[in-house]
Amino acid sequence: MKPFNLALSFQNGNPEAGGNDAKLAMIVNGQYVQDTYLPDQENWGINATQTEVVYLKAGTNTVRYWRFDMTLPNEA
């Protein structure tokens, strides 16, 4: 497997809730890899990018993100 920079574009703004980082589970090829934290951007109109190093196999890979309060799929 080879390391790749994976960039996730997002909007995370919720000032009424005190501004909290969003926590997502990263699933690569059906396997849980790590948690990803998306920092609060103070309002929903601000675009941001979170970049992380992910190890991927040659060929096609599937990357999914799941919110911490959602049930992970059976293959994870």
N, C-alpha and C. Protein backbone atom coordinates (compact mmCIF):
# COMPACT_ATOMS: atom_id res chain seq x y z
N MET A 1 0.84 -1.18 0.00
CA MET A 1 0.00 0.00 0.00
C MET A 1 0.88 1.24 0.00
N LYS A 2 0.34 2.29 -0.57
CA LYS A 2 1.07 3.54 -0.74
C LYS A 2 0.36 4.68 -0.02
N PRO A 3 1.14 5.62 0.56
CA PRO A 3 0.49 6.77 1.21
C PRO A 3 0.02 7.81 0.19
N PHE A 4 -1.17 8.36 0.44
CA PHE A 4 -1.73 9.42 -0.38
C PHE A 4 -2.29 10.50 0.53
N ASN A 5 -2.22 11.74 0.09
CA ASN A 5 -2.89 12.83 0.79
C ASN A 5 -4.34 12.85 0.33
N LEU A 6 -5.24 12.68 1.27
CA LEU A 6 -6.67 12.67 0.97
C LEU A 6 -7.28 13.93 1.55
N ALA A 7 -7.88 14.76 0.69
CA ALA A 7 -8.46 16.03 1.12
C ALA A 7 -9.98 15.93 1.14
N LEU A 8 -10.57 16.30 2.27
CA LEU A 8 -12.02 16.32 2.43
C LEU A 8 -12.46 17.78 2.55
N SER A 9 -13.30 18.22 1.63
CA SER A 9 -13.85 19.57 1.69
C SER A 9 -15.12 19.52 2.53
N PHE A 10 -15.29 20.50 3.43
CA PHE A 10 -16.44 20.45 4.34
C PHE A 10 -16.84 21.84 4.79
N GLN A 11 -18.02 21.90 5.38
CA GLN A 11 -18.51 23.08 6.10
C GLN A 11 -18.98 22.60 7.46
N ASN A 12 -18.47 23.18 8.53
CA ASN A 12 -18.86 22.81 9.88
C ASN A 12 -18.97 24.07 10.71
N GLY A 13 -20.17 24.59 10.81
CA GLY A 13 -20.36 25.80 11.59
C GLY A 13 -21.64 25.73 12.40
N ASN A 14 -21.51 25.84 13.69
CA ASN A 14 -22.68 25.76 14.55
C ASN A 14 -22.47 26.64 15.77
N PRO A 15 -22.42 27.97 15.61
CA PRO A 15 -22.11 28.84 16.74
C PRO A 15 -23.13 28.75 17.87
N GLU A 16 -24.39 28.39 17.58
CA GLU A 16 -25.39 28.27 18.64
C GLU A 16 -25.04 27.17 19.61
N ALA A 17 -24.34 26.15 19.15
CA ALA A 17 -23.97 25.01 20.01
C ALA A 17 -22.61 25.24 20.66
N GLY A 18 -22.07 26.43 20.53
CA GLY A 18 -20.78 26.71 21.16
C GLY A 18 -19.60 26.37 20.28
N GLY A 19 -19.84 25.98 19.04
CA GLY A 19 -18.75 25.66 18.11
C GLY A 19 -18.02 24.40 18.50
N ASN A 20 -18.39 23.30 17.89
CA ASN A 20 -17.76 22.02 18.19
C ASN A 20 -17.14 21.42 16.95
N ASP A 21 -15.99 20.75 17.14
CA ASP A 21 -15.41 20.00 16.04
C ASP A 21 -16.34 18.82 15.74
N ALA A 22 -16.48 18.49 14.45
CA ALA A 22 -17.26 17.32 14.06
C ALA A 22 -16.32 16.12 14.04
N LYS A 23 -16.83 14.98 14.48
CA LYS A 23 -16.03 13.75 14.49
C LYS A 23 -16.64 12.78 13.50
N LEU A 24 -15.82 12.31 12.57
CA LEU A 24 -16.25 11.33 11.58
C LEU A 24 -15.35 10.11 11.65
N ALA A 25 -15.91 8.95 11.37
CA ALA A 25 -15.11 7.73 11.22
C ALA A 25 -14.75 7.60 9.74
N MET A 26 -13.47 7.35 9.43
CA MET A 26 -13.04 7.15 8.05
C MET A 26 -13.01 5.65 7.76
N ILE A 27 -13.71 5.25 6.70
CA ILE A 27 -13.78 3.85 6.28
C ILE A 27 -13.11 3.76 4.91
N VAL A 28 -12.07 2.92 4.79
CA VAL A 28 -11.38 2.73 3.52
C VAL A 28 -11.52 1.27 3.12
N ASN A 29 -12.09 1.04 1.94
CA ASN A 29 -12.30 -0.31 1.43
C ASN A 29 -13.02 -1.19 2.43
N GLY A 30 -14.03 -0.61 3.11
CA GLY A 30 -14.86 -1.37 4.03
C GLY A 30 -14.29 -1.57 5.42
N GLN A 31 -13.11 -1.00 5.71
CA GLN A 31 -12.47 -1.17 7.01
C GLN A 31 -12.31 0.18 7.70
N TYR A 32 -12.65 0.22 8.99
CA TYR A 32 -12.42 1.44 9.78
C TYR A 32 -10.92 1.72 9.80
N VAL A 33 -10.54 2.98 9.54
CA VAL A 33 -9.13 3.36 9.52
C VAL A 33 -8.81 4.27 10.70
N GLN A 34 -9.59 5.34 10.87
CA GLN A 34 -9.30 6.31 11.92
C GLN A 34 -10.47 7.27 12.07
N ASP A 35 -10.43 8.04 13.15
CA ASP A 35 -11.38 9.14 13.31
C ASP A 35 -10.80 10.38 12.65
N THR A 36 -11.68 11.20 12.11
CA THR A 36 -11.32 12.46 11.49
C THR A 36 -12.07 13.57 12.21
N TYR A 37 -11.37 14.61 12.60
CA TYR A 37 -11.99 15.73 13.29
C TYR A 37 -12.00 16.95 12.37
N LEU A 38 -13.18 17.51 12.16
CA LEU A 38 -13.34 18.68 11.30
C LEU A 38 -13.58 19.89 12.19
N PRO A 39 -12.65 20.84 12.23
CA PRO A 39 -12.78 21.97 13.13
C PRO A 39 -13.96 22.87 12.78
N ASP A 40 -14.57 23.44 13.83
CA ASP A 40 -15.67 24.37 13.66
C ASP A 40 -15.18 25.61 12.92
N GLN A 41 -15.97 26.07 11.96
CA GLN A 41 -15.61 27.24 11.15
C GLN A 41 -16.43 28.47 11.48
N GLU A 42 -17.12 28.47 12.60
CA GLU A 42 -17.91 29.59 13.13
C GLU A 42 -19.23 29.84 12.41
N ASN A 43 -19.36 29.45 11.14
CA ASN A 43 -20.67 29.50 10.49
C ASN A 43 -20.65 28.56 9.29
N TRP A 44 -21.84 28.23 8.82
CA TRP A 44 -21.96 27.22 7.75
C TRP A 44 -21.54 27.75 6.38
N GLY A 45 -21.28 29.02 6.23
CA GLY A 45 -20.91 29.58 4.93
C GLY A 45 -19.42 29.52 4.63
N ILE A 46 -18.63 28.95 5.52
CA ILE A 46 -17.18 28.91 5.33
C ILE A 46 -16.77 27.51 4.87
N ASN A 47 -16.11 27.43 3.71
CA ASN A 47 -15.58 26.16 3.23
C ASN A 47 -14.21 25.93 3.82
N ALA A 48 -13.91 24.70 4.17
CA ALA A 48 -12.60 24.34 4.70
C ALA A 48 -12.20 22.98 4.13
N THR A 49 -10.92 22.64 4.26
CA THR A 49 -10.41 21.36 3.79
C THR A 49 -9.58 20.72 4.89
N GLN A 50 -9.83 19.45 5.13
CA GLN A 50 -9.04 18.66 6.08
C GLN A 50 -8.27 17.65 5.25
N THR A 51 -6.93 17.64 5.35
CA THR A 51 -6.11 16.71 4.58
C THR A 51 -5.41 15.75 5.53
N GLU A 52 -5.48 14.46 5.19
CA GLU A 52 -4.85 13.42 6.01
C GLU A 52 -4.14 12.42 5.10
N VAL A 53 -3.13 11.77 5.63
CA VAL A 53 -2.43 10.74 4.89
C VAL A 53 -3.19 9.42 5.06
N VAL A 54 -3.50 8.78 3.93
CA VAL A 54 -4.22 7.51 3.93
C VAL A 54 -3.44 6.54 3.06
N TYR A 55 -3.35 5.29 3.51
CA TYR A 55 -2.66 4.26 2.74
C TYR A 55 -3.67 3.52 1.89
N LEU A 56 -3.46 3.54 0.56
CA LEU A 56 -4.38 2.94 -0.38
C LEU A 56 -3.68 1.89 -1.21
N LYS A 57 -4.44 0.87 -1.62
CA LYS A 57 -3.91 -0.18 -2.50
C LYS A 57 -3.92 0.32 -3.94
N ALA A 58 -3.19 -0.35 -4.81
CA ALA A 58 -3.20 0.00 -6.23
C ALA A 58 -4.59 -0.27 -6.80
N GLY A 59 -5.04 0.56 -7.73
CA GLY A 59 -6.34 0.38 -8.35
C GLY A 59 -7.41 1.22 -7.69
N THR A 60 -8.63 0.71 -7.69
CA THR A 60 -9.78 1.44 -7.17
C THR A 60 -9.92 1.25 -5.66
N ASN A 61 -10.15 2.34 -4.94
CA ASN A 61 -10.38 2.32 -3.50
C ASN A 61 -11.67 3.06 -3.21
N THR A 62 -12.34 2.67 -2.14
CA THR A 62 -13.55 3.34 -1.69
C THR A 62 -13.30 3.96 -0.33
N VAL A 63 -13.54 5.27 -0.22
CA VAL A 63 -13.38 5.97 1.05
C VAL A 63 -14.73 6.55 1.43
N ARG A 64 -15.17 6.28 2.67
CA ARG A 64 -16.43 6.82 3.17
C ARG A 64 -16.19 7.43 4.54
N TYR A 65 -17.02 8.39 4.86
CA TYR A 65 -16.99 9.00 6.19
C TYR A 65 -18.36 8.79 6.83
N TRP A 66 -18.35 8.48 8.12
CA TRP A 66 -19.59 8.28 8.87
C TRP A 66 -19.55 9.16 10.09
N ARG A 67 -20.67 9.85 10.37
CA ARG A 67 -20.77 10.64 11.59
C ARG A 67 -20.73 9.72 12.80
N PHE A 68 -20.20 10.23 13.90
CA PHE A 68 -20.07 9.44 15.12
C PHE A 68 -21.41 8.95 15.65
N ASP A 69 -22.50 9.63 15.32
CA ASP A 69 -23.81 9.23 15.84
C ASP A 69 -24.60 8.36 14.86
N MET A 70 -23.95 7.89 13.80
CA MET A 70 -24.61 7.00 12.84
C MET A 70 -24.08 5.58 13.06
N THR A 71 -24.87 4.58 12.68
CA THR A 71 -24.44 3.21 12.76
C THR A 71 -23.54 2.91 11.57
N LEU A 72 -22.37 2.32 11.85
CA LEU A 72 -21.45 1.98 10.77
C LEU A 72 -22.04 0.85 9.94
N PRO A 73 -21.71 0.79 8.65
CA PRO A 73 -22.22 -0.29 7.81
C PRO A 73 -21.66 -1.64 8.26
N ASN A 74 -22.33 -2.70 7.90
CA ASN A 74 -21.92 -4.05 8.33
C ASN A 74 -20.52 -4.44 7.87
N GLU A 75 -20.08 -3.94 6.71
CA GLU A 75 -18.76 -4.34 6.22
C GLU A 75 -17.63 -3.66 6.96
N ALA A 76 -17.89 -2.66 7.79
CA ALA A 76 -16.83 -1.96 8.52
C ALA A 76 -16.43 -2.70 9.77
